[in-house]
Amino acid sequence: MNPENKIERLLAMMLLQDLKEVSQTKKAEILNTVGFSNPEIADLLGTTPGVIAQQLYAGRSGTKSKAPGKSRKLPRAAKK
């Protein structure tokens, strides 16, 4: 790791420390805004790039991401 990468990583860790009460999704959005890639964000947050991609997509589209493996109940059609 070159010195520039170490400085970037240190600054990112300092930012995350200040945001420890903030959701992982919001942290991912902030790191993405300042130029970190999905794999870099995933490494910093201890998750996978796929999870980060899903969170960023949900944030952009205004939908909430659901937990993996959880199904959402759909409303039943009204009986006549």
N, C-alpha and C. Protein backbone atom coordinates (compact mmCIF):
# COMPACT_ATOMS: atom_id res chain seq x y z
N MET A 1 0.86 -1.18 0.00
CA MET A 1 0.00 0.00 0.00
C MET A 1 0.90 1.23 0.00
N ASN A 2 0.65 2.12 -0.94
CA ASN A 2 1.48 3.32 -1.02
C ASN A 2 1.03 4.36 0.02
N PRO A 3 1.85 5.36 0.30
CA PRO A 3 1.52 6.34 1.34
C PRO A 3 0.21 7.09 1.10
N GLU A 4 -0.12 7.38 -0.16
CA GLU A 4 -1.37 8.07 -0.45
C GLU A 4 -2.57 7.22 -0.04
N ASN A 5 -2.52 5.91 -0.32
CA ASN A 5 -3.61 5.02 0.07
C ASN A 5 -3.74 4.95 1.59
N LYS A 6 -2.63 4.96 2.29
CA LYS A 6 -2.67 4.92 3.75
C LYS A 6 -3.33 6.17 4.30
N ILE A 7 -3.01 7.31 3.74
CA ILE A 7 -3.61 8.56 4.19
C ILE A 7 -5.11 8.56 3.91
N GLU A 8 -5.51 8.12 2.71
CA GLU A 8 -6.93 8.04 2.37
C GLU A 8 -7.66 7.12 3.33
N ARG A 9 -7.07 5.98 3.61
CA ARG A 9 -7.71 5.01 4.52
C ARG A 9 -7.82 5.58 5.93
N LEU A 10 -6.77 6.25 6.40
CA LEU A 10 -6.79 6.86 7.72
C LEU A 10 -7.88 7.92 7.81
N LEU A 11 -7.98 8.77 6.79
CA LEU A 11 -9.02 9.80 6.78
C LEU A 11 -10.42 9.18 6.75
N ALA A 12 -10.58 8.11 5.99
CA ALA A 12 -11.87 7.42 5.93
C ALA A 12 -12.23 6.84 7.30
N MET A 13 -11.26 6.26 7.98
CA MET A 13 -11.51 5.69 9.30
C MET A 13 -11.87 6.79 10.30
N MET A 14 -11.24 7.94 10.20
CA MET A 14 -11.57 9.06 11.08
C MET A 14 -13.00 9.54 10.81
N LEU A 15 -13.36 9.61 9.54
CA LEU A 15 -14.72 10.00 9.17
C LEU A 15 -15.72 9.00 9.74
N LEU A 16 -15.45 7.72 9.59
CA LEU A 16 -16.36 6.69 10.09
C LEU A 16 -16.49 6.75 11.61
N GLN A 17 -15.42 7.08 12.28
CA GLN A 17 -15.48 7.21 13.74
C GLN A 17 -16.43 8.34 14.13
N ASP A 18 -16.41 9.43 13.39
CA ASP A 18 -17.33 10.54 13.66
C ASP A 18 -18.77 10.17 13.33
N LEU A 19 -18.95 9.17 12.46
CA LEU A 19 -20.29 8.78 12.03
C LEU A 19 -20.75 7.47 12.67
N LYS A 20 -20.20 7.10 13.82
CA LYS A 20 -20.51 5.78 14.36
C LYS A 20 -21.97 5.61 14.73
N GLU A 21 -22.72 6.68 14.94
CA GLU A 21 -24.14 6.59 15.26
C GLU A 21 -25.01 6.62 13.99
N VAL A 22 -24.39 6.75 12.83
CA VAL A 22 -25.11 6.85 11.56
C VAL A 22 -25.25 5.45 10.96
N SER A 23 -26.33 5.22 10.23
CA SER A 23 -26.57 3.91 9.62
C SER A 23 -25.48 3.55 8.60
N GLN A 24 -25.35 2.26 8.35
CA GLN A 24 -24.36 1.80 7.38
C GLN A 24 -24.69 2.34 5.99
N THR A 25 -25.96 2.43 5.66
CA THR A 25 -26.35 2.95 4.36
C THR A 25 -25.89 4.38 4.19
N LYS A 26 -26.09 5.20 5.22
CA LYS A 26 -25.68 6.61 5.14
C LYS A 26 -24.16 6.71 5.04
N LYS A 27 -23.44 5.87 5.78
CA LYS A 27 -21.97 5.85 5.70
C LYS A 27 -21.53 5.51 4.28
N ALA A 28 -22.18 4.51 3.68
CA ALA A 28 -21.85 4.11 2.31
C ALA A 28 -22.10 5.26 1.34
N GLU A 29 -23.22 5.97 1.53
CA GLU A 29 -23.53 7.10 0.66
C GLU A 29 -22.47 8.20 0.78
N ILE A 30 -22.04 8.49 1.99
CA ILE A 30 -21.03 9.53 2.21
C ILE A 30 -19.71 9.12 1.57
N LEU A 31 -19.28 7.89 1.82
CA LEU A 31 -18.01 7.42 1.24
C LEU A 31 -18.07 7.40 -0.29
N ASN A 32 -19.23 7.03 -0.83
CA ASN A 32 -19.40 7.02 -2.28
C ASN A 32 -19.31 8.44 -2.84
N THR A 33 -19.89 9.39 -2.13
CA THR A 33 -19.89 10.79 -2.56
C THR A 33 -18.48 11.35 -2.65
N VAL A 34 -17.59 10.92 -1.73
CA VAL A 34 -16.23 11.44 -1.75
C VAL A 34 -15.30 10.63 -2.65
N GLY A 35 -15.85 9.63 -3.36
CA GLY A 35 -15.07 8.97 -4.39
C GLY A 35 -14.60 7.55 -4.13
N PHE A 36 -15.02 6.94 -3.02
CA PHE A 36 -14.63 5.55 -2.78
C PHE A 36 -15.48 4.62 -3.64
N SER A 37 -14.88 3.55 -4.11
CA SER A 37 -15.59 2.55 -4.91
C SER A 37 -16.35 1.60 -3.99
N ASN A 38 -17.28 0.83 -4.56
CA ASN A 38 -18.04 -0.13 -3.77
C ASN A 38 -17.14 -1.13 -3.04
N PRO A 39 -16.13 -1.71 -3.70
CA PRO A 39 -15.24 -2.63 -2.97
C PRO A 39 -14.47 -1.95 -1.82
N GLU A 40 -14.06 -0.71 -2.04
CA GLU A 40 -13.35 0.02 -0.97
C GLU A 40 -14.28 0.31 0.20
N ILE A 41 -15.51 0.72 -0.10
CA ILE A 41 -16.49 0.99 0.95
C ILE A 41 -16.80 -0.29 1.71
N ALA A 42 -16.99 -1.38 0.98
CA ALA A 42 -17.28 -2.66 1.62
C ALA A 42 -16.15 -3.07 2.56
N ASP A 43 -14.93 -2.87 2.15
CA ASP A 43 -13.78 -3.20 2.98
C ASP A 43 -13.77 -2.36 4.26
N LEU A 44 -14.06 -1.08 4.13
CA LEU A 44 -14.07 -0.19 5.30
C LEU A 44 -15.21 -0.51 6.26
N LEU A 45 -16.35 -0.94 5.71
CA LEU A 45 -17.53 -1.20 6.54
C LEU A 45 -17.68 -2.66 6.93
N GLY A 46 -16.80 -3.51 6.44
CA GLY A 46 -16.85 -4.93 6.81
C GLY A 46 -18.02 -5.69 6.21
N THR A 47 -18.30 -5.43 4.95
CA THR A 47 -19.38 -6.12 4.26
C THR A 47 -18.94 -6.43 2.84
N THR A 48 -19.87 -6.74 1.96
CA THR A 48 -19.52 -7.09 0.58
C THR A 48 -19.87 -5.95 -0.37
N PRO A 49 -19.21 -5.89 -1.52
CA PRO A 49 -19.54 -4.87 -2.52
C PRO A 49 -20.99 -4.96 -3.00
N GLY A 50 -21.54 -6.17 -3.03
CA GLY A 50 -22.93 -6.33 -3.44
C GLY A 50 -23.91 -5.67 -2.49
N VAL A 51 -23.64 -5.79 -1.19
CA VAL A 51 -24.49 -5.14 -0.19
C VAL A 51 -24.41 -3.63 -0.35
N ILE A 52 -23.21 -3.13 -0.56
CA ILE A 52 -23.02 -1.69 -0.74
C ILE A 52 -23.75 -1.22 -1.99
N ALA A 53 -23.63 -1.96 -3.07
CA ALA A 53 -24.33 -1.59 -4.31
C ALA A 53 -25.84 -1.54 -4.09
N GLN A 54 -26.36 -2.51 -3.36
CA GLN A 54 -27.80 -2.54 -3.08
C GLN A 54 -28.21 -1.33 -2.23
N GLN A 55 -27.42 -1.01 -1.22
CA GLN A 55 -27.74 0.13 -0.37
C GLN A 55 -27.68 1.45 -1.14
N LEU A 56 -26.66 1.60 -1.98
CA LEU A 56 -26.55 2.84 -2.75
C LEU A 56 -27.68 2.96 -3.76
N TYR A 57 -28.05 1.85 -4.38
CA TYR A 57 -29.16 1.86 -5.33
C TYR A 57 -30.46 2.23 -4.63
N ALA A 58 -30.69 1.62 -3.48
CA ALA A 58 -31.92 1.91 -2.72
C ALA A 58 -31.95 3.37 -2.30
N GLY A 59 -30.79 3.91 -1.93
CA GLY A 59 -30.73 5.31 -1.54
C GLY A 59 -31.03 6.25 -2.69
N ARG A 60 -30.54 5.90 -3.87
CA ARG A 60 -30.78 6.75 -5.05
C ARG A 60 -32.22 6.67 -5.52
N SER A 61 -32.80 5.47 -5.42
CA SER A 61 -34.16 5.28 -5.93
C SER A 61 -35.23 5.63 -4.89
N GLY A 62 -34.78 5.91 -3.66
CA GLY A 62 -35.72 6.30 -2.63
C GLY A 62 -36.45 5.15 -1.98
N THR A 63 -36.00 3.92 -2.23
CA THR A 63 -36.62 2.76 -1.60
C THR A 63 -35.75 2.28 -0.46
N LYS A 64 -36.35 1.58 0.46
CA LYS A 64 -35.58 1.00 1.56
C LYS A 64 -35.15 -0.39 1.14
N SER A 65 -33.88 -0.71 1.40
CA SER A 65 -33.43 -2.06 1.10
C SER A 65 -33.90 -2.98 2.21
N LYS A 66 -34.28 -4.19 1.85
CA LYS A 66 -34.74 -5.12 2.86
C LYS A 66 -33.63 -6.12 3.16
N ALA A 67 -33.72 -6.72 4.31
CA ALA A 67 -32.71 -7.69 4.72
C ALA A 67 -32.75 -8.88 3.77
N PRO A 68 -31.58 -9.45 3.46
CA PRO A 68 -31.54 -10.61 2.58
C PRO A 68 -32.35 -11.76 3.17
N GLY A 69 -33.10 -12.43 2.33
CA GLY A 69 -33.85 -13.59 2.77
C GLY A 69 -35.21 -13.25 3.37
N LYS A 70 -35.50 -12.01 3.54
CA LYS A 70 -36.79 -11.60 4.10
C LYS A 70 -37.73 -11.29 2.95
N SER A 71 -38.91 -11.84 3.01
CA SER A 71 -39.88 -11.54 1.97
C SER A 71 -40.87 -10.52 2.49
N ARG A 72 -41.33 -9.70 1.61
CA ARG A 72 -42.29 -8.67 1.97
C ARG A 72 -43.68 -9.20 1.71
N LYS A 73 -44.58 -9.05 2.68
CA LYS A 73 -45.95 -9.51 2.49
C LYS A 73 -46.68 -8.53 1.61
N LEU A 74 -47.38 -9.06 0.64
CA LEU A 74 -48.18 -8.24 -0.25
C LEU A 74 -49.62 -8.23 0.26
N PRO A 75 -50.34 -7.13 0.07
CA PRO A 75 -51.72 -7.09 0.55
C PRO A 75 -52.57 -8.09 -0.22
N ARG A 76 -53.50 -8.70 0.51
CA ARG A 76 -54.39 -9.66 -0.14
C ARG A 76 -55.50 -8.91 -0.86
N ALA A 77 -55.98 -9.51 -1.92
CA ALA A 77 -57.08 -8.91 -2.67
C ALA A 77 -58.34 -8.98 -1.80
N ALA A 78 -59.12 -7.93 -1.86
CA ALA A 78 -60.35 -7.90 -1.06
C ALA A 78 -61.33 -8.94 -1.57
N LYS A 79 -61.97 -9.65 -0.61
CA LYS A 79 -62.98 -10.66 -0.98
C LYS A 79 -64.30 -9.98 -1.24
N LYS A 80 -65.04 -10.49 -2.21
CA LYS A 80 -66.36 -9.92 -2.51
C LYS A 80 -67.45 -10.70 -1.83
